[in-house]
Amino acid sequence: MITQIAEGDYFGFPSLLTGDAIQNRIEVSTPDLIYILNQTSFDYLRREYKAFEQLFVRAHANRLLSSHYQQKSDNWSEKKSVSY
């Protein structure tokens, strides 16, 4: 799947939060400024700056909820029937 990200978006942070293996890759099509953090730096910032931690924990929770509801709505067996 290809997803386009914009200014202010985050990429790859779920793997940094969970320790899961990285499954995706990023390709930059136009010159831009991109910050890349390794696990050690990410963990340090989470530990030292509560706002940094909360930003990514909330983003991850929203991503999981969005994914859950998207999967639920795709399940035809859970859709309500409509009578005409």
PDB file of N, CA and C in Angstrom:
ATOM      1  N   MET A   1       0.840  -1.166   0.000  1.00  0.00           N
ATOM      2  CA  MET A   1       0.000   0.000   0.000  1.00  0.00           C
ATOM      3  C   MET A   1       0.891   1.237   0.000  1.00  0.00           C
ATOM      4  N   ILE A   2       0.477   2.236  -0.748  1.00  0.00           N
ATOM      5  CA  ILE A   2       1.201   3.492  -0.808  1.00  0.00           C
ATOM      6  C   ILE A   2       0.353   4.550  -0.121  1.00  0.00           C
ATOM      7  N   THR A   3       0.978   5.263   0.793  1.00  0.00           N
ATOM      8  CA  THR A   3       0.314   6.348   1.505  1.00  0.00           C
ATOM      9  C   THR A   3       1.162   7.583   1.385  1.00  0.00           C
ATOM     10  N   GLN A   4       0.521   8.688   1.109  1.00  0.00           N
ATOM     11  CA  GLN A   4       1.246   9.942   1.018  1.00  0.00           C
ATOM     12  C   GLN A   4       1.142  10.652   2.362  1.00  0.00           C
ATOM     13  N   ILE A   5       2.264  11.134   2.858  1.00  0.00           N
ATOM     14  CA  ILE A   5       2.244  11.868   4.114  1.00  0.00           C
ATOM     15  C   ILE A   5       2.562  13.331   3.835  1.00  0.00           C
ATOM     16  N   ALA A   6       2.131  14.175   4.735  1.00  0.00           N
ATOM     17  CA  ALA A   6       2.296  15.615   4.552  1.00  0.00           C
ATOM     18  C   ALA A   6       3.031  16.213   5.743  1.00  0.00           C
ATOM     19  N   GLU A   7       3.257  17.507   5.680  1.00  0.00           N
ATOM     20  CA  GLU A   7       3.936  18.213   6.760  1.00  0.00           C
ATOM     21  C   GLU A   7       3.239  17.935   8.088  1.00  0.00           C
ATOM     22  N   GLY A   8       4.036  17.586   9.085  1.00  0.00           N
ATOM     23  CA  GLY A   8       3.490  17.320  10.412  1.00  0.00           C
ATOM     24  C   GLY A   8       3.089  15.883  10.648  1.00  0.00           C
ATOM     25  N   ASP A   9       3.114  15.049   9.608  1.00  0.00           N
ATOM     26  CA  ASP A   9       2.772  13.635   9.766  1.00  0.00           C
ATOM     27  C   ASP A   9       3.948  12.873  10.373  1.00  0.00           C
ATOM     28  N   TYR A  10       3.634  11.705  10.912  1.00  0.00           N
ATOM     29  CA  TYR A  10       4.650  10.835  11.514  1.00  0.00           C
ATOM     30  C   TYR A  10       4.631   9.507  10.776  1.00  0.00           C
ATOM     31  N   PHE A  11       5.791   8.908  10.657  1.00  0.00           N
ATOM     32  CA  PHE A  11       5.895   7.626   9.954  1.00  0.00           C
ATOM     33  C   PHE A  11       6.809   6.702  10.740  1.00  0.00           C
ATOM     34  N   GLY A  12       6.376   5.470  10.952  1.00  0.00           N
ATOM     35  CA  GLY A  12       7.230   4.454  11.545  1.00  0.00           C
ATOM     36  C   GLY A  12       7.238   4.413  13.058  1.00  0.00           C
ATOM     37  N   PHE A  13       6.547   5.338  13.703  1.00  0.00           N
ATOM     38  CA  PHE A  13       6.608   5.389  15.164  1.00  0.00           C
ATOM     39  C   PHE A  13       5.964   4.196  15.861  1.00  0.00           C
ATOM     40  N   PRO A  14       4.949   3.513  15.281  1.00  0.00           N
ATOM     41  CA  PRO A  14       4.397   2.353  15.989  1.00  0.00           C
ATOM     42  C   PRO A  14       5.455   1.296  16.291  1.00  0.00           C
ATOM     43  N   SER A  15       6.366   1.087  15.389  1.00  0.00           N
ATOM     44  CA  SER A  15       7.438   0.109  15.628  1.00  0.00           C
ATOM     45  C   SER A  15       8.350   0.564  16.764  1.00  0.00           C
ATOM     46  N   LEU A  16       8.593   1.871  16.856  1.00  0.00           N
ATOM     47  CA  LEU A  16       9.413   2.394  17.946  1.00  0.00           C
ATOM     48  C   LEU A  16       8.704   2.254  19.291  1.00  0.00           C
ATOM     49  N   LEU A  17       7.376   2.393  19.289  1.00  0.00           N
ATOM     50  CA  LEU A  17       6.612   2.262  20.530  1.00  0.00           C
ATOM     51  C   LEU A  17       6.497   0.808  20.989  1.00  0.00           C
ATOM     52  N   THR A  18       6.284  -0.086  20.040  1.00  0.00           N
ATOM     53  CA  THR A  18       5.980  -1.480  20.383  1.00  0.00           C
ATOM     54  C   THR A  18       7.182  -2.407  20.346  1.00  0.00           C
ATOM     55  N   GLY A  19       8.233  -2.011  19.642  1.00  0.00           N
ATOM     56  CA  GLY A  19       9.386  -2.883  19.490  1.00  0.00           C
ATOM     57  C   GLY A  19       9.216  -3.903  18.371  1.00  0.00           C
ATOM     58  N   ASP A  20       8.083  -3.808  17.651  1.00  0.00           N
ATOM     59  CA  ASP A  20       7.851  -4.716  16.526  1.00  0.00           C
ATOM     60  C   ASP A  20       8.811  -4.391  15.382  1.00  0.00           C
ATOM     61  N   ALA A  21       9.056  -5.376  14.560  1.00  0.00           N
ATOM     62  CA  ALA A  21       9.932  -5.176  13.404  1.00  0.00           C
ATOM     63  C   ALA A  21       9.304  -4.173  12.439  1.00  0.00           C
ATOM     64  N   ILE A  22      10.133  -3.389  11.805  1.00  0.00           N
ATOM     65  CA  ILE A  22       9.659  -2.411  10.825  1.00  0.00           C
ATOM     66  C   ILE A  22       9.210  -3.160   9.577  1.00  0.00           C
ATOM     67  N   GLN A  23       7.984  -2.877   9.156  1.00  0.00           N
ATOM     68  CA  GLN A  23       7.401  -3.553   7.999  1.00  0.00           C
ATOM     69  C   GLN A  23       7.349  -2.656   6.762  1.00  0.00           C
ATOM     70  N   ASN A  24       7.430  -1.354   6.964  1.00  0.00           N
ATOM     71  CA  ASN A  24       7.238  -0.404   5.876  1.00  0.00           C
ATOM     72  C   ASN A  24       8.526   0.322   5.544  1.00  0.00           C
ATOM     73  N   ARG A  25       8.473   1.043   4.461  1.00  0.00           N
ATOM     74  CA  ARG A  25       9.604   1.870   4.086  1.00  0.00           C
ATOM     75  C   ARG A  25       9.066   3.202   3.592  1.00  0.00           C
ATOM     76  N   ILE A  26       9.918   4.183   3.556  1.00  0.00           N
ATOM     77  CA  ILE A  26       9.515   5.513   3.102  1.00  0.00           C
ATOM     78  C   ILE A  26      10.369   5.899   1.905  1.00  0.00           C
ATOM     79  N   GLU A  27       9.745   6.564   0.973  1.00  0.00           N
ATOM     80  CA  GLU A  27      10.445   7.075  -0.197  1.00  0.00           C
ATOM     81  C   GLU A  27      10.063   8.541  -0.338  1.00  0.00           C
ATOM     82  N   VAL A  28      11.040   9.398  -0.445  1.00  0.00           N
ATOM     83  CA  VAL A  28      10.804  10.833  -0.544  1.00  0.00           C
ATOM     84  C   VAL A  28      10.843  11.226  -2.013  1.00  0.00           C
ATOM     85  N   SER A  29       9.755  11.848  -2.481  1.00  0.00           N
ATOM     86  CA  SER A  29       9.684  12.197  -3.897  1.00  0.00           C
ATOM     87  C   SER A  29      10.052  13.656  -4.173  1.00  0.00           C
ATOM     88  N   THR A  30      10.032  14.499  -3.131  1.00  0.00           N
ATOM     89  CA  THR A  30      10.441  15.892  -3.300  1.00  0.00           C
ATOM     90  C   THR A  30      11.370  16.269  -2.152  1.00  0.00           C
ATOM     91  N   PRO A  31      12.273  17.226  -2.402  1.00  0.00           N
ATOM     92  CA  PRO A  31      13.176  17.642  -1.327  1.00  0.00           C
ATOM     93  C   PRO A  31      12.367  18.159  -0.128  1.00  0.00           C
ATOM     94  N   ASP A  32      12.720  17.721   1.039  1.00  0.00           N
ATOM     95  CA  ASP A  32      11.988  18.087   2.247  1.00  0.00           C
ATOM     96  C   ASP A  32      12.881  17.897   3.457  1.00  0.00           C
ATOM     97  N   LEU A  33      12.410  18.335   4.607  1.00  0.00           N
ATOM     98  CA  LEU A  33      13.121  18.135   5.859  1.00  0.00           C
ATOM     99  C   LEU A  33      12.466  16.983   6.602  1.00  0.00           C
ATOM    100  N   ILE A  34      13.249  15.961   6.892  1.00  0.00           N
ATOM    101  CA  ILE A  34      12.731  14.767   7.561  1.00  0.00           C
ATOM    102  C   ILE A  34      13.628  14.474   8.753  1.00  0.00           C
ATOM    103  N   TYR A  35      12.987  14.263   9.909  1.00  0.00           N
ATOM    104  CA  TYR A  35      13.735  13.892  11.111  1.00  0.00           C
ATOM    105  C   TYR A  35      13.678  12.377  11.265  1.00  0.00           C
ATOM    106  N   ILE A  36      14.821  11.771  11.466  1.00  0.00           N
ATOM    107  CA  ILE A  36      14.903  10.327  11.657  1.00  0.00           C
ATOM    108  C   ILE A  36      15.486  10.076  13.041  1.00  0.00           C
ATOM    109  N   LEU A  37      14.736   9.336  13.850  1.00  0.00           N
ATOM    110  CA  LEU A  37      15.202   9.010  15.199  1.00  0.00           C
ATOM    111  C   LEU A  37      15.416   7.511  15.322  1.00  0.00           C
ATOM    112  N   ASN A  38      16.523   7.124  15.899  1.00  0.00           N
ATOM    113  CA  ASN A  38      16.724   5.709  16.192  1.00  0.00           C
ATOM    114  C   ASN A  38      16.003   5.368  17.502  1.00  0.00           C
ATOM    115  N   GLN A  39      15.946   4.107  17.840  1.00  0.00           N
ATOM    116  CA  GLN A  39      15.224   3.655  19.025  1.00  0.00           C
ATOM    117  C   GLN A  39      15.733   4.318  20.304  1.00  0.00           C
ATOM    118  N   THR A  40      17.042   4.420  20.443  1.00  0.00           N
ATOM    119  CA  THR A  40      17.635   5.011  21.648  1.00  0.00           C
ATOM    120  C   THR A  40      17.215   6.471  21.821  1.00  0.00           C
ATOM    121  N   SER A  41      17.280   7.244  20.761  1.00  0.00           N
ATOM    122  CA  SER A  41      16.893   8.657  20.825  1.00  0.00           C
ATOM    123  C   SER A  41      15.401   8.813  21.091  1.00  0.00           C
ATOM    124  N   PHE A  42      14.602   7.991  20.433  1.00  0.00           N
ATOM    125  CA  PHE A  42      13.149   8.041  20.626  1.00  0.00           C
ATOM    126  C   PHE A  42      12.799   7.712  22.078  1.00  0.00           C
ATOM    127  N   ASP A  43      13.404   6.665  22.615  1.00  0.00           N
ATOM    128  CA  ASP A  43      13.147   6.278  24.008  1.00  0.00           C
ATOM    129  C   ASP A  43      13.600   7.366  24.985  1.00  0.00           C
ATOM    130  N   TYR A  44      14.730   7.995  24.709  1.00  0.00           N
ATOM    131  CA  TYR A  44      15.215   9.082  25.563  1.00  0.00           C
ATOM    132  C   TYR A  44      14.212  10.237  25.590  1.00  0.00           C
ATOM    133  N   LEU A  45      13.755  10.650  24.409  1.00  0.00           N
ATOM    134  CA  LEU A  45      12.804  11.755  24.334  1.00  0.00           C
ATOM    135  C   LEU A  45      11.483  11.410  25.031  1.00  0.00           C
ATOM    136  N   ARG A  46      11.043  10.168  24.905  1.00  0.00           N
ATOM    137  CA  ARG A  46       9.817   9.736  25.598  1.00  0.00           C
ATOM    138  C   ARG A  46       9.998   9.803  27.108  1.00  0.00           C
ATOM    139  N   ARG A  47      11.147   9.388  27.562  1.00  0.00           N
ATOM    140  CA  ARG A  47      11.426   9.332  29.002  1.00  0.00           C
ATOM    141  C   ARG A  47      11.581  10.733  29.598  1.00  0.00           C
ATOM    142  N   GLU A  48      12.233  11.617  28.875  1.00  0.00           N
ATOM    143  CA  GLU A  48      12.557  12.945  29.401  1.00  0.00           C
ATOM    144  C   GLU A  48      11.466  13.995  29.179  1.00  0.00           C
ATOM    145  N   TYR A  49      10.629  13.808  28.168  1.00  0.00           N
ATOM    146  CA  TYR A  49       9.627  14.816  27.818  1.00  0.00           C
ATOM    147  C   TYR A  49       8.246  14.169  27.711  1.00  0.00           C
ATOM    148  N   LYS A  50       7.451  14.365  28.758  1.00  0.00           N
ATOM    149  CA  LYS A  50       6.120  13.753  28.840  1.00  0.00           C
ATOM    150  C   LYS A  50       5.251  14.124  27.632  1.00  0.00           C
ATOM    151  N   ALA A  51       5.326  15.363  27.180  1.00  0.00           N
ATOM    152  CA  ALA A  51       4.517  15.802  26.037  1.00  0.00           C
ATOM    153  C   ALA A  51       4.884  15.022  24.767  1.00  0.00           C
ATOM    154  N   PHE A  52       6.169  14.736  24.602  1.00  0.00           N
ATOM    155  CA  PHE A  52       6.625  13.948  23.451  1.00  0.00           C
ATOM    156  C   PHE A  52       6.014  12.549  23.514  1.00  0.00           C
ATOM    157  N   GLU A  53       6.095  11.937  24.693  1.00  0.00           N
ATOM    158  CA  GLU A  53       5.530  10.598  24.885  1.00  0.00           C
ATOM    159  C   GLU A  53       4.031  10.595  24.600  1.00  0.00           C
ATOM    160  N   GLN A  54       3.310  11.549  25.164  1.00  0.00           N
ATOM    161  CA  GLN A  54       1.858  11.593  24.998  1.00  0.00           C
ATOM    162  C   GLN A  54       1.461  11.796  23.542  1.00  0.00           C
ATOM    163  N   LEU A  55       2.213  12.595  22.830  1.00  0.00           N
ATOM    164  CA  LEU A  55       1.935  12.829  21.417  1.00  0.00           C
ATOM    165  C   LEU A  55       1.926  11.516  20.642  1.00  0.00           C
ATOM    166  N   PHE A  56       2.940  10.694  20.842  1.00  0.00           N
ATOM    167  CA  PHE A  56       3.043   9.456  20.074  1.00  0.00           C
ATOM    168  C   PHE A  56       2.145   8.351  20.612  1.00  0.00           C
ATOM    169  N   VAL A  57       1.914   8.310  21.909  1.00  0.00           N
ATOM    170  CA  VAL A  57       0.996   7.313  22.470  1.00  0.00           C
ATOM    171  C   VAL A  57      -0.422   7.592  21.964  1.00  0.00           C
ATOM    172  N   ARG A  58      -0.814   8.867  21.971  1.00  0.00           N
ATOM    173  CA  ARG A  58      -2.150   9.226  21.453  1.00  0.00           C
ATOM    174  C   ARG A  58      -2.263   8.952  19.961  1.00  0.00           C
ATOM    175  N   ALA A  59      -1.237   9.297  19.209  1.00  0.00           N
ATOM    176  CA  ALA A  59      -1.258   9.052  17.764  1.00  0.00           C
ATOM    177  C   ALA A  59      -1.386   7.561  17.485  1.00  0.00           C
ATOM    178  N   HIS A  60      -0.696   6.748  18.272  1.00  0.00           N
ATOM    179  CA  HIS A  60      -0.775   5.296  18.095  1.00  0.00           C
ATOM    180  C   HIS A  60      -2.167   4.777  18.470  1.00  0.00           C
ATOM    181  N   ALA A  61      -2.730   5.276  19.561  1.00  0.00           N
ATOM    182  CA  ALA A  61      -4.077   4.871  19.976  1.00  0.00           C
ATOM    183  C   ALA A  61      -5.101   5.263  18.913  1.00  0.00           C
ATOM    184  N   ASN A  62      -4.996   6.469  18.376  1.00  0.00           N
ATOM    185  CA  ASN A  62      -5.921   6.901  17.319  1.00  0.00           C
ATOM    186  C   ASN A  62      -5.777   6.047  16.070  1.00  0.00           C
ATOM    187  N   ARG A  63      -4.560   5.678  15.763  1.00  0.00           N
ATOM    188  CA  ARG A  63      -4.320   4.825  14.592  1.00  0.00           C
ATOM    189  C   ARG A  63      -4.956   3.451  14.791  1.00  0.00           C
ATOM    190  N   LEU A  64      -4.806   2.890  15.990  1.00  0.00           N
ATOM    191  CA  LEU A  64      -5.403   1.586  16.286  1.00  0.00           C
ATOM    192  C   LEU A  64      -6.924   1.653  16.245  1.00  0.00           C
ATOM    193  N   LEU A  65      -7.496   2.708  16.825  1.00  0.00           N
ATOM    194  CA  LEU A  65      -8.952   2.859  16.802  1.00  0.00           C
ATOM    195  C   LEU A  65      -9.467   3.024  15.384  1.00  0.00           C
ATOM    196  N   SER A  66      -8.793   3.839  14.611  1.00  0.00           N
ATOM    197  CA  SER A  66      -9.182   4.057  13.221  1.00  0.00           C
ATOM    198  C   SER A  66      -9.128   2.749  12.440  1.00  0.00           C
ATOM    199  N   SER A  67      -8.071   1.992  12.641  1.00  0.00           N
ATOM    200  CA  SER A  67      -7.918   0.699  11.971  1.00  0.00           C
ATOM    201  C   SER A  67      -9.003  -0.266  12.401  1.00  0.00           C
ATOM    202  N   HIS A  68      -9.326  -0.277  13.696  1.00  0.00           N
ATOM    203  CA  HIS A  68     -10.362  -1.171  14.221  1.00  0.00           C
ATOM    204  C   HIS A  68     -11.715  -0.857  13.595  1.00  0.00           C
ATOM    205  N   TYR A  69     -12.093   0.418  13.569  1.00  0.00           N
ATOM    206  CA  TYR A  69     -13.391   0.793  13.026  1.00  0.00           C
ATOM    207  C   TYR A  69     -13.448   0.623  11.520  1.00  0.00           C
ATOM    208  N   GLN A  70     -12.332   0.811  10.852  1.00  0.00           N
ATOM    209  CA  GLN A  70     -12.295   0.594   9.411  1.00  0.00           C
ATOM    210  C   GLN A  70     -12.498  -0.891   9.111  1.00  0.00           C
ATOM    211  N   GLN A  71     -11.838  -1.763   9.861  1.00  0.00           N
ATOM    212  CA  GLN A  71     -12.008  -3.203   9.670  1.00  0.00           C
ATOM    213  C   GLN A  71     -13.429  -3.624   9.990  1.00  0.00           C
ATOM    214  N   LYS A  72     -14.004  -3.058  11.052  1.00  0.00           N
ATOM    215  CA  LYS A  72     -15.364  -3.388  11.439  1.00  0.00           C
ATOM    216  C   LYS A  72     -16.346  -3.007  10.348  1.00  0.00           C
ATOM    217  N   SER A  73     -16.168  -1.836   9.746  1.00  0.00           N
ATOM    218  CA  SER A  73     -17.098  -1.390   8.715  1.00  0.00           C
ATOM    219  C   SER A  73     -16.921  -2.179   7.420  1.00  0.00           C
ATOM    220  N   ASP A  74     -15.768  -2.798   7.242  1.00  0.00           N
ATOM    221  CA  ASP A  74     -15.534  -3.612   6.053  1.00  0.00           C
ATOM    222  C   ASP A  74     -16.128  -5.015   6.186  1.00  0.00           C
ATOM    223  N   ASN A  75     -16.514  -5.400   7.394  1.00  0.00           N
ATOM    224  CA  ASN A  75     -17.038  -6.742   7.631  1.00  0.00           C
ATOM    225  C   ASN A  75     -18.520  -6.770   7.282  1.00  0.00           C
ATOM    226  N   TRP A  76     -18.870  -7.349   6.157  1.00  0.00           N
ATOM    227  CA  TRP A  76     -20.263  -7.359   5.708  1.00  0.00           C
ATOM    228  C   TRP A  76     -21.187  -8.090   6.670  1.00  0.00           C
ATOM    229  N   SER A  77     -20.649  -9.046   7.435  1.00  0.00           N
ATOM    230  CA  SER A  77     -21.501  -9.828   8.332  1.00  0.00           C
ATOM    231  C   SER A  77     -21.988  -9.007   9.528  1.00  0.00           C
ATOM    232  N   GLU A  78     -21.339  -7.872   9.793  1.00  0.00           N
ATOM    233  CA  GLU A  78     -21.734  -7.038  10.918  1.00  0.00           C
ATOM    234  C   GLU A  78     -22.577  -5.840  10.494  1.00  0.00           C
ATOM    235  N   LYS A  79     -22.829  -5.712   9.190  1.00  0.00           N
ATOM    236  CA  LYS A  79     -23.618  -4.569   8.715  1.00  0.00           C
ATOM    237  C   LYS A  79     -25.105  -4.849   8.932  1.00  0.00           C
ATOM    238  N   LYS A  80     -25.821  -3.795   9.265  1.00  0.00           N
ATOM    239  CA  LYS A  80     -27.251  -3.913   9.454  1.00  0.00           C
ATOM    240  C   LYS A  80     -27.921  -3.991   8.089  1.00  0.00           C
ATOM    241  N   SER A  81     -28.958  -4.801   8.014  1.00  0.00           N
ATOM    242  CA  SER A  81     -29.694  -4.896   6.768  1.00  0.00           C
ATOM    243  C   SER A  81     -30.650  -3.719   6.668  1.00  0.00           C
ATOM    244  N   VAL A  82     -30.904  -3.300   5.452  1.00  0.00           N
ATOM    245  CA  VAL A  82     -31.799  -2.176   5.194  1.00  0.00           C
ATOM    246  C   VAL A  82     -33.024  -2.711   4.483  1.00  0.00           C
ATOM    247  N   SER A  83     -34.194  -2.407   5.011  1.00  0.00           N
ATOM    248  CA  SER A  83     -35.451  -2.810   4.369  1.00  0.00           C
ATOM    249  C   SER A  83     -36.047  -1.655   3.617  1.00  0.00           C
ATOM    250  N   TYR A  84     -36.573  -1.948   2.429  1.00  0.00           N
ATOM    251  CA  TYR A  84     -37.203  -0.902   1.631  1.00  0.00           C
ATOM    252  C   TYR A  84     -38.668  -1.166   1.519  1.00  0.00           C
TER     253      TYR A  84
END
